[in-house]
Amino acid sequence: MTSSYNDLVNVASFWKKREYFDTERGNIAHYCRDCKKNVDVEVLNEELAKFRCLVCSGVHIATGTAVSLQEHYSKKR
């Protein structure tokens, strides 16, 4: 069985179907889960992807594109 890219993008577990994939999703961004906003970070360990928030000094940092972080963290839980 082979699958196309569209089959993988439209998996039901992604909560919604995407008919397209925008390759220009933005640069890498960092979201601090402690202060709940996009922040600049200090790199603690590049190999382990450990970062520290420069606003609140928290270490619970999510990394992704600006669009993906906004989509994920704007959902009501």
C-alpha atoms as a PDB file:
ATOM      1  CA  MET A   1       0.000   0.000   0.000  1.00  0.00           C
ATOM      2  CA  THR A   2       1.354   3.376  -0.952  1.00  0.00           C
ATOM      3  CA  SER A   3       0.155   6.702   0.333  1.00  0.00           C
ATOM      4  CA  SER A   4       0.389  10.088  -1.200  1.00  0.00           C
ATOM      5  CA  TYR A   5       1.253  13.267   0.616  1.00  0.00           C
ATOM      6  CA  ASN A   6      -2.402  14.367   0.542  1.00  0.00           C
ATOM      7  CA  ASP A   7      -3.408  11.146   2.319  1.00  0.00           C
ATOM      8  CA  LEU A   8      -0.989  11.938   5.132  1.00  0.00           C
ATOM      9  CA  VAL A   9      -2.049  15.583   5.440  1.00  0.00           C
ATOM     10  CA  ASN A  10      -5.737  14.687   5.605  1.00  0.00           C
ATOM     11  CA  VAL A  11      -5.544  12.231   8.479  1.00  0.00           C
ATOM     12  CA  ALA A  12      -8.622  12.621  10.680  1.00  0.00           C
ATOM     13  CA  SER A  13      -6.546  12.873  13.862  1.00  0.00           C
ATOM     14  CA  PHE A  14      -5.321  16.309  12.752  1.00  0.00           C
ATOM     15  CA  TRP A  15      -8.740  17.720  13.785  1.00  0.00           C
ATOM     16  CA  LYS A  16      -9.364  19.257  10.386  1.00  0.00           C
ATOM     17  CA  LYS A  17      -8.598  18.478   6.789  1.00  0.00           C
ATOM     18  CA  ARG A  18      -6.111  20.568   4.896  1.00  0.00           C
ATOM     19  CA  GLU A  19      -6.522  20.760   1.177  1.00  0.00           C
ATOM     20  CA  TYR A  20      -3.173  22.492   0.742  1.00  0.00           C
ATOM     21  CA  PHE A  21       0.143  22.786   2.513  1.00  0.00           C
ATOM     22  CA  ASP A  22       1.706  26.238   2.587  1.00  0.00           C
ATOM     23  CA  THR A  23       5.478  25.931   2.259  1.00  0.00           C
ATOM     24  CA  GLU A  24       5.903  29.561   3.405  1.00  0.00           C
ATOM     25  CA  ARG A  25       4.796  28.984   6.998  1.00  0.00           C
ATOM     26  CA  GLY A  26       7.320  31.381   8.484  1.00  0.00           C
ATOM     27  CA  ASN A  27      10.598  31.223  10.327  1.00  0.00           C
ATOM     28  CA  ILE A  28      11.341  29.196  13.423  1.00  0.00           C
ATOM     29  CA  ALA A  29       9.757  30.719  16.506  1.00  0.00           C
ATOM     30  CA  HIS A  30       9.850  29.921  20.220  1.00  0.00           C
ATOM     31  CA  TYR A  31       6.801  29.922  22.499  1.00  0.00           C
ATOM     32  CA  CYS A  32       7.217  30.019  26.263  1.00  0.00           C
ATOM     33  CA  ARG A  33       4.578  27.845  27.925  1.00  0.00           C
ATOM     34  CA  ASP A  34       5.275  29.575  31.262  1.00  0.00           C
ATOM     35  CA  CYS A  35       4.561  33.171  30.205  1.00  0.00           C
ATOM     36  CA  LYS A  36       2.329  32.087  27.269  1.00  0.00           C
ATOM     37  CA  LYS A  37       3.775  34.193  24.456  1.00  0.00           C
ATOM     38  CA  ASN A  38       6.302  34.129  21.633  1.00  0.00           C
ATOM     39  CA  VAL A  39       9.701  35.018  23.050  1.00  0.00           C
ATOM     40  CA  ASP A  40      13.388  35.288  22.298  1.00  0.00           C
ATOM     41  CA  VAL A  41      15.418  32.540  23.923  1.00  0.00           C
ATOM     42  CA  GLU A  42      18.883  31.770  25.200  1.00  0.00           C
ATOM     43  CA  VAL A  43      20.257  28.450  23.933  1.00  0.00           C
ATOM     44  CA  LEU A  44      21.274  26.291  26.901  1.00  0.00           C
ATOM     45  CA  ASN A  45      22.160  23.126  24.961  1.00  0.00           C
ATOM     46  CA  GLU A  46      21.903  23.143  21.174  1.00  0.00           C
ATOM     47  CA  GLU A  47      22.254  19.361  20.802  1.00  0.00           C
ATOM     48  CA  LEU A  48      19.395  18.665  23.235  1.00  0.00           C
ATOM     49  CA  ALA A  49      17.349  21.674  22.040  1.00  0.00           C
ATOM     50  CA  LYS A  50      17.191  23.200  25.526  1.00  0.00           C
ATOM     51  CA  PHE A  51      16.252  26.872  25.694  1.00  0.00           C
ATOM     52  CA  ARG A  52      15.567  29.507  28.367  1.00  0.00           C
ATOM     53  CA  CYS A  53      13.027  32.298  27.984  1.00  0.00           C
ATOM     54  CA  LEU A  54      14.601  35.762  28.172  1.00  0.00           C
ATOM     55  CA  VAL A  55      11.351  37.234  29.567  1.00  0.00           C
ATOM     56  CA  CYS A  56      10.586  34.976  32.536  1.00  0.00           C
ATOM     57  CA  SER A  57      13.634  32.621  32.597  1.00  0.00           C
ATOM     58  CA  GLY A  58      11.315  29.635  32.110  1.00  0.00           C
ATOM     59  CA  VAL A  59      12.581  26.489  30.438  1.00  0.00           C
ATOM     60  CA  HIS A  60       9.279  25.134  29.055  1.00  0.00           C
ATOM     61  CA  ILE A  61       9.839  26.265  25.475  1.00  0.00           C
ATOM     62  CA  ALA A  62       8.035  24.991  22.389  1.00  0.00           C
ATOM     63  CA  THR A  63       9.789  25.382  19.049  1.00  0.00           C
ATOM     64  CA  GLY A  64       8.161  25.466  15.630  1.00  0.00           C
ATOM     65  CA  THR A  65       7.059  27.791  12.896  1.00  0.00           C
ATOM     66  CA  ALA A  66       5.154  30.897  13.915  1.00  0.00           C
ATOM     67  CA  VAL A  67       2.028  29.585  12.161  1.00  0.00           C
ATOM     68  CA  SER A  68       2.161  26.118  13.730  1.00  0.00           C
ATOM     69  CA  LEU A  69       2.694  27.495  17.251  1.00  0.00           C
ATOM     70  CA  GLN A  70      -0.178  29.925  16.807  1.00  0.00           C
ATOM     71  CA  GLU A  71      -2.483  27.151  15.545  1.00  0.00           C
ATOM     72  CA  HIS A  72      -1.550  24.780  18.363  1.00  0.00           C
ATOM     73  CA  TYR A  73      -1.603  27.157  21.323  1.00  0.00           C
ATOM     74  CA  SER A  74      -4.663  29.155  20.249  1.00  0.00           C
ATOM     75  CA  LYS A  75      -6.930  26.089  20.504  1.00  0.00           C
ATOM     76  CA  LYS A  76      -9.194  26.059  23.518  1.00  0.00           C
ATOM     77  CA  ARG A  77      -8.428  23.067  25.705  1.00  0.00           C
END
